[in-house]
């Protein structure tokens, strides 16, 4: 079943209350026990979500789509709605990293882990996304993107209440290991995977596009508590869909009808999870 979301459904508002702890008004240095210092450091490193944005740059994406995609992420992070959702969280800050992917051995980090805690840090991340030259590469390895993303959480200096990989792409996995194997490894680690299937072009022989890419993402790619898919079927709504997705992730929203793993279903997935590999083999061999 397809999941449809609107921006209005995910706007959040909240006020974070806080206070200062007064120190002892006496001359000389202020001393802290190791336990107090460790607790303070832990609070300083806590975020509401560790979010990995994994963005498809395969040749099936045209230059216009790649540009809109970049602008969509940059503008979403700067938006008023995003900043409202950010501040409504228990910590009021998130950690984000952004990388581009294509083949199983082709991943490039554009934004290493960055803390976003307000307009200034959001603007800095947006500017860094936009200034990087756009590139394209061959093949589509969603499994490679997931495999590359998982160890990045271990490198993150921040500690999130949730760990999420966000996969955007316009075609099925056709390179590297099976996507379901990579997905299930991530789920075993407590990582949630969300999807942004891009379906703005008619399927064609040259691009490896398929019908019902949204079903493929729902049944084969995403998983974990609250996981969801937002399909982009209209080029004019590209940026809106990206903003909606980020708002849902930052706000920790869960869909009314959660999507479950293929392994949890009694029936076969609606689209074969090996369809990309089969199409590639039928057309060009291995």
Protein backbone atom coordinates (compact mmCIF):
# COMPACT_ATOMS: atom_id res chain seq x y z
CA UNK A 1 0.00 0.00 0.00
CA UNK A 2 1.38 3.36 -0.96
CA UNK A 3 2.04 5.90 1.75
CA UNK A 4 1.17 9.51 1.04
CA UNK A 5 2.31 12.40 3.18
CA UNK A 6 1.83 16.16 3.10
CA UNK A 7 3.96 18.88 4.59
CA UNK A 8 1.06 20.01 6.76
CA UNK A 9 0.90 16.61 8.40
CA UNK A 10 4.43 16.82 9.68
CA UNK A 11 4.84 20.41 10.80
CA UNK A 12 5.71 20.48 14.47
CA UNK A 13 5.89 23.20 17.06
CA UNK A 14 7.41 23.13 20.54
CA UNK A 15 9.23 25.11 23.13
CA UNK A 16 12.24 23.68 24.89
CA UNK A 17 12.48 24.68 28.51
CA UNK A 18 15.86 24.92 30.20
CA UNK A 19 17.79 26.51 33.00
CA UNK A 20 21.28 27.26 34.22
CA UNK A 21 22.89 25.56 37.15
CA UNK A 22 24.56 28.12 39.37
CA UNK A 23 28.13 27.50 40.47
CA UNK A 24 29.61 28.24 43.85
CA UNK A 25 30.38 31.94 44.24
CA UNK A 26 33.85 31.63 45.66
CA UNK A 27 37.34 32.53 44.47
CA UNK A 28 39.52 29.95 42.75
CA UNK A 29 38.77 27.35 40.07
CA UNK A 30 35.57 25.34 39.91
CA UNK A 31 36.18 21.60 40.26
CA UNK A 32 34.08 18.77 38.79
CA UNK A 33 34.24 15.08 39.55
CA UNK A 34 35.07 12.75 36.65
CA UNK A 35 31.48 11.48 36.71
CA UNK A 36 30.08 15.03 36.50
CA UNK A 37 32.45 15.88 33.64
CA UNK A 38 31.49 12.69 31.76
CA UNK A 39 27.78 13.47 32.17
CA UNK A 40 28.30 17.03 30.92
CA UNK A 41 30.27 15.81 27.90
CA UNK A 42 27.55 13.27 27.15
CA UNK A 43 24.85 15.96 27.20
CA UNK A 44 26.93 18.15 24.89
CA UNK A 45 27.24 15.31 22.37
CA UNK A 46 23.60 14.16 22.47
CA UNK A 47 21.41 14.73 19.41
CA UNK A 48 17.88 13.74 18.50
CA UNK A 49 18.89 11.86 15.37
CA UNK A 50 22.01 10.77 13.52
CA UNK A 51 20.88 11.16 9.91
CA UNK A 52 22.76 9.89 6.86
CA UNK A 53 21.57 11.31 3.54
CA UNK A 54 22.63 8.87 0.79
CA UNK A 55 22.00 10.46 -2.61
CA UNK A 56 21.97 8.68 -5.99
CA UNK A 57 24.18 10.23 -8.71
CA UNK A 58 23.99 7.41 -11.28
CA UNK A 59 23.82 8.23 -14.99
CA UNK A 60 20.08 7.57 -15.05
CA UNK A 61 19.73 10.84 -13.14
CA UNK A 62 19.92 13.74 -15.59
CA UNK A 63 21.83 16.93 -14.71
CA UNK A 64 18.62 18.85 -14.07
CA UNK A 65 17.43 16.23 -11.57
CA UNK A 66 20.79 16.25 -9.82
CA UNK A 67 20.70 20.04 -9.51
CA UNK A 68 17.12 20.05 -8.20
CA UNK A 69 18.03 17.30 -5.75
CA UNK A 70 20.96 19.30 -4.38
CA UNK A 71 18.87 22.47 -4.13
CA UNK A 72 16.05 20.51 -2.50
CA UNK A 73 18.23 19.29 0.37
CA UNK A 74 19.91 22.68 0.83
CA UNK A 75 16.65 24.60 0.91
CA UNK A 76 14.91 22.06 3.14
CA UNK A 77 17.63 22.32 5.80
CA UNK A 78 17.27 26.10 5.82
CA UNK A 79 13.47 26.14 5.87
CA UNK A 80 11.43 27.58 8.71
CA UNK A 81 9.52 24.30 9.06
CA UNK A 82 12.73 22.30 9.40
CA UNK A 83 14.11 24.62 12.08
CA UNK A 84 10.81 24.42 13.98
CA UNK A 85 10.94 20.62 13.90
CA UNK A 86 14.58 20.76 15.00
CA UNK A 87 13.85 22.86 18.08
CA UNK A 88 10.84 20.72 19.02
CA UNK A 89 13.11 17.73 19.71
CA UNK A 90 14.29 16.84 23.22
CA UNK A 91 17.85 18.02 22.43
CA UNK A 92 17.04 20.59 19.75
CA UNK A 93 19.90 19.45 17.52
CA UNK A 94 20.75 16.72 15.03
CA UNK A 95 23.86 15.29 13.37
CA UNK A 96 23.89 14.96 9.57
CA UNK A 97 26.24 13.56 6.96
CA UNK A 98 25.60 13.63 3.20
CA UNK A 99 27.19 11.36 0.62
CA UNK A 100 26.64 10.54 -3.05
CA UNK A 101 26.67 7.01 -4.42
CA UNK A 102 26.51 5.03 -7.65
CA UNK A 103 28.32 1.67 -8.09
CA UNK A 104 29.14 -0.61 -5.16
CA UNK A 105 32.64 0.89 -4.91
CA UNK A 106 31.63 4.48 -5.67
CA UNK A 107 30.62 6.60 -2.69
CA UNK A 108 31.78 10.14 -2.00
CA UNK A 109 31.18 12.04 1.24
CA UNK A 110 30.11 15.60 0.49
CA UNK A 111 29.31 16.65 4.06
CA UNK A 112 31.14 14.85 6.89
CA UNK A 113 29.27 14.70 10.19
CA UNK A 114 27.92 18.14 11.03
CA UNK A 115 25.89 19.36 13.98
CA UNK A 116 22.76 21.36 13.10
CA UNK A 117 21.36 23.21 16.08
CA UNK A 118 19.92 26.39 14.58
CA UNK A 119 19.87 28.76 11.59
CA UNK A 120 23.63 29.41 11.48
CA UNK A 121 24.69 25.76 11.36
CA UNK A 122 21.82 24.95 8.98
CA UNK A 123 22.96 27.72 6.62
CA UNK A 124 26.55 26.45 6.76
CA UNK A 125 25.53 22.88 5.83
CA UNK A 126 23.29 24.15 3.02
CA UNK A 127 26.07 26.28 1.57
CA UNK A 128 28.48 23.35 1.68
CA UNK A 129 26.02 21.12 -0.20
CA UNK A 130 25.52 23.70 -2.96
CA UNK A 131 29.16 24.58 -3.52
CA UNK A 132 30.26 21.02 -4.37
CA UNK A 133 30.43 20.35 -8.14
CA UNK A 134 27.73 18.00 -9.43
CA UNK A 135 28.96 14.64 -10.69
CA UNK A 136 27.50 11.51 -12.29
CA UNK A 137 28.72 7.91 -12.26
CA UNK A 138 27.79 4.47 -13.56
CA UNK A 139 25.66 1.69 -12.03
CA UNK A 140 23.22 1.70 -9.11
CA UNK A 141 24.18 -0.07 -5.89
CA UNK A 142 21.71 0.61 -3.10
CA UNK A 143 23.29 -2.25 -1.18
CA UNK A 144 26.69 -0.59 -1.56
CA UNK A 145 25.26 2.69 -0.25
CA UNK A 146 23.79 0.99 2.81
CA UNK A 147 27.01 -0.93 3.41
CA UNK A 148 29.03 2.29 3.16
CA UNK A 149 26.65 4.14 5.48
CA UNK A 150 26.57 1.71 8.39
CA UNK A 151 30.15 2.22 9.70
CA UNK A 152 29.75 6.00 9.42
CA UNK A 153 27.63 5.89 12.56
CA UNK A 154 30.65 4.55 14.47
CA UNK A 155 32.65 7.59 13.32
CA UNK A 156 30.00 10.09 14.39
CA UNK A 157 31.15 12.12 17.44
CA UNK A 158 27.50 12.69 18.38
CA UNK A 159 25.14 10.23 20.03
CA UNK A 160 21.60 10.15 18.66
CA UNK A 161 18.36 8.84 20.04
CA UNK A 162 17.76 7.43 16.55
CA UNK A 163 19.99 6.35 13.67
CA UNK A 164 18.55 6.74 10.19
CA UNK A 165 19.84 6.13 6.65
CA UNK A 166 17.89 8.00 4.01
CA UNK A 167 18.24 6.52 0.51
CA UNK A 168 17.17 8.48 -2.57
CA UNK A 169 17.39 7.00 -6.05
CA UNK A 170 15.62 6.53 -9.38
CA UNK A 171 16.18 2.83 -10.02
CA UNK A 172 16.58 -0.60 -8.43
CA UNK A 173 19.81 -2.15 -7.22
CA UNK A 174 21.82 -3.55 -10.15
CA UNK A 175 25.33 -3.80 -8.72
CA UNK A 176 26.94 -5.23 -5.60
CA UNK A 177 25.25 -7.60 -3.16
CA UNK A 178 21.48 -8.12 -2.83
CA UNK A 179 19.77 -5.07 -1.37
CA UNK A 180 17.74 -7.10 1.13
CA UNK A 181 20.90 -8.55 2.69
CA UNK A 182 22.37 -5.08 3.24
CA UNK A 183 19.05 -3.79 4.54
CA UNK A 184 18.65 -6.59 7.06
CA UNK A 185 22.20 -6.10 8.36
CA UNK A 186 21.36 -2.46 9.04
CA UNK A 187 18.10 -3.35 10.76
CA UNK A 188 19.93 -5.80 13.01
CA UNK A 189 22.06 -2.88 14.20
CA UNK A 190 18.96 -0.87 15.11
CA UNK A 191 19.29 1.43 12.09
CA UNK A 192 16.15 2.67 10.33
CA UNK A 193 16.15 3.04 6.52
CA UNK A 194 13.78 5.46 4.76
CA UNK A 195 13.35 5.86 1.01
CA UNK A 196 12.86 8.61 -1.54
CA UNK A 197 12.22 6.87 -4.89
CA UNK A 198 12.42 9.30 -7.82
CA UNK A 199 9.81 8.47 -10.46
CA UNK A 200 9.62 11.57 -12.64
CA UNK A 201 10.50 9.83 -15.93
CA UNK A 202 8.82 7.03 -17.85
CA UNK A 203 10.75 3.75 -17.55
CA UNK A 204 13.15 3.28 -20.47
CA UNK A 205 15.61 0.70 -21.75
CA UNK A 206 18.62 2.99 -21.34
CA UNK A 207 18.01 4.14 -17.78
CA UNK A 208 17.13 0.89 -15.95
CA UNK A 209 13.97 2.55 -14.59
CA UNK A 210 11.14 0.24 -13.54
CA UNK A 211 7.42 0.52 -12.97
CA UNK A 212 6.36 0.80 -9.33
CA UNK A 213 9.74 1.82 -7.96
CA UNK A 214 7.88 2.96 -4.86
CA UNK A 215 6.71 -0.64 -4.25
CA UNK A 216 10.29 -1.83 -4.72
CA UNK A 217 11.52 0.64 -2.10
CA UNK A 218 8.72 -0.29 0.31
CA UNK A 219 9.24 -4.05 0.02
CA UNK A 220 12.99 -4.32 -0.60
CA UNK A 221 14.86 -1.22 0.65
CA UNK A 222 13.35 0.40 3.72
CA UNK A 223 12.84 -1.05 7.19
CA UNK A 224 12.88 -0.47 10.91
CA UNK A 225 10.45 1.22 13.31
CA UNK A 226 8.60 4.09 11.64
CA UNK A 227 10.28 3.60 8.26
CA UNK A 228 8.57 5.21 5.31
CA UNK A 229 8.72 5.97 1.59
CA UNK A 230 7.91 9.26 -0.09
CA UNK A 231 7.77 8.87 -3.86
CA UNK A 232 8.54 11.78 -6.19
CA UNK A 233 6.34 11.49 -9.28
CA UNK A 234 6.23 15.14 -10.31
CA UNK A 235 9.39 17.07 -11.12
CA UNK A 236 7.72 20.25 -9.83
CA UNK A 237 7.27 18.66 -6.39
CA UNK A 238 10.84 17.39 -6.10
CA UNK A 239 11.90 19.94 -3.49
CA UNK A 240 8.63 19.71 -1.58
CA UNK A 241 9.02 15.94 -1.21
CA UNK A 242 12.58 16.30 0.10
CA UNK A 243 11.44 18.88 2.65
CA UNK A 244 8.55 16.69 3.79
CA UNK A 245 10.89 13.72 4.22
CA UNK A 246 13.40 15.66 6.31
CA UNK A 247 10.63 17.08 8.49
CA UNK A 248 9.30 13.61 9.22
CA UNK A 249 12.75 12.31 10.08
CA UNK A 250 13.68 15.18 12.36
CA UNK A 251 10.28 15.18 14.05
CA UNK A 252 10.43 11.41 14.55
CA UNK A 253 7.03 10.91 12.92
CA UNK A 254 5.82 7.42 12.12
CA UNK A 255 3.32 6.58 9.37
CA UNK A 256 -0.18 5.43 10.27
CA UNK A 257 0.41 2.19 8.37
CA UNK A 258 4.00 1.11 9.13
CA UNK A 259 5.82 -0.75 6.37
CA UNK A 260 7.27 -4.09 7.47
CA UNK A 261 10.25 -6.08 6.27
CA UNK A 262 10.00 -8.60 3.45
CA UNK A 263 11.00 -11.31 5.94
CA UNK A 264 7.99 -10.41 8.10
CA UNK A 265 5.49 -10.88 5.26
CA UNK A 266 3.63 -14.02 4.35
CA UNK A 267 3.60 -13.15 0.65
CA UNK A 268 6.24 -12.30 -1.90
CA UNK A 269 7.21 -8.64 -2.47
CA UNK A 270 5.12 -6.87 -5.11
CA UNK A 271 8.26 -6.17 -7.15
CA UNK A 272 11.12 -8.68 -7.21
CA UNK A 273 13.96 -7.50 -5.01
CA UNK A 274 16.38 -8.82 -7.67
CA UNK A 275 14.70 -7.09 -10.62
CA UNK A 276 17.57 -4.65 -11.18
CA UNK A 277 20.16 -7.41 -11.32
CA UNK A 278 17.95 -9.42 -13.71
CA UNK A 279 17.40 -6.49 -16.06
CA UNK A 280 21.13 -5.73 -16.16
CA UNK A 281 22.00 -9.37 -16.84
CA UNK A 282 19.35 -9.73 -19.56
CA UNK A 283 20.50 -6.59 -21.36
CA UNK A 284 24.24 -6.45 -20.93
CA UNK A 285 25.36 -9.63 -19.17
CA UNK A 286 27.35 -9.66 -15.93
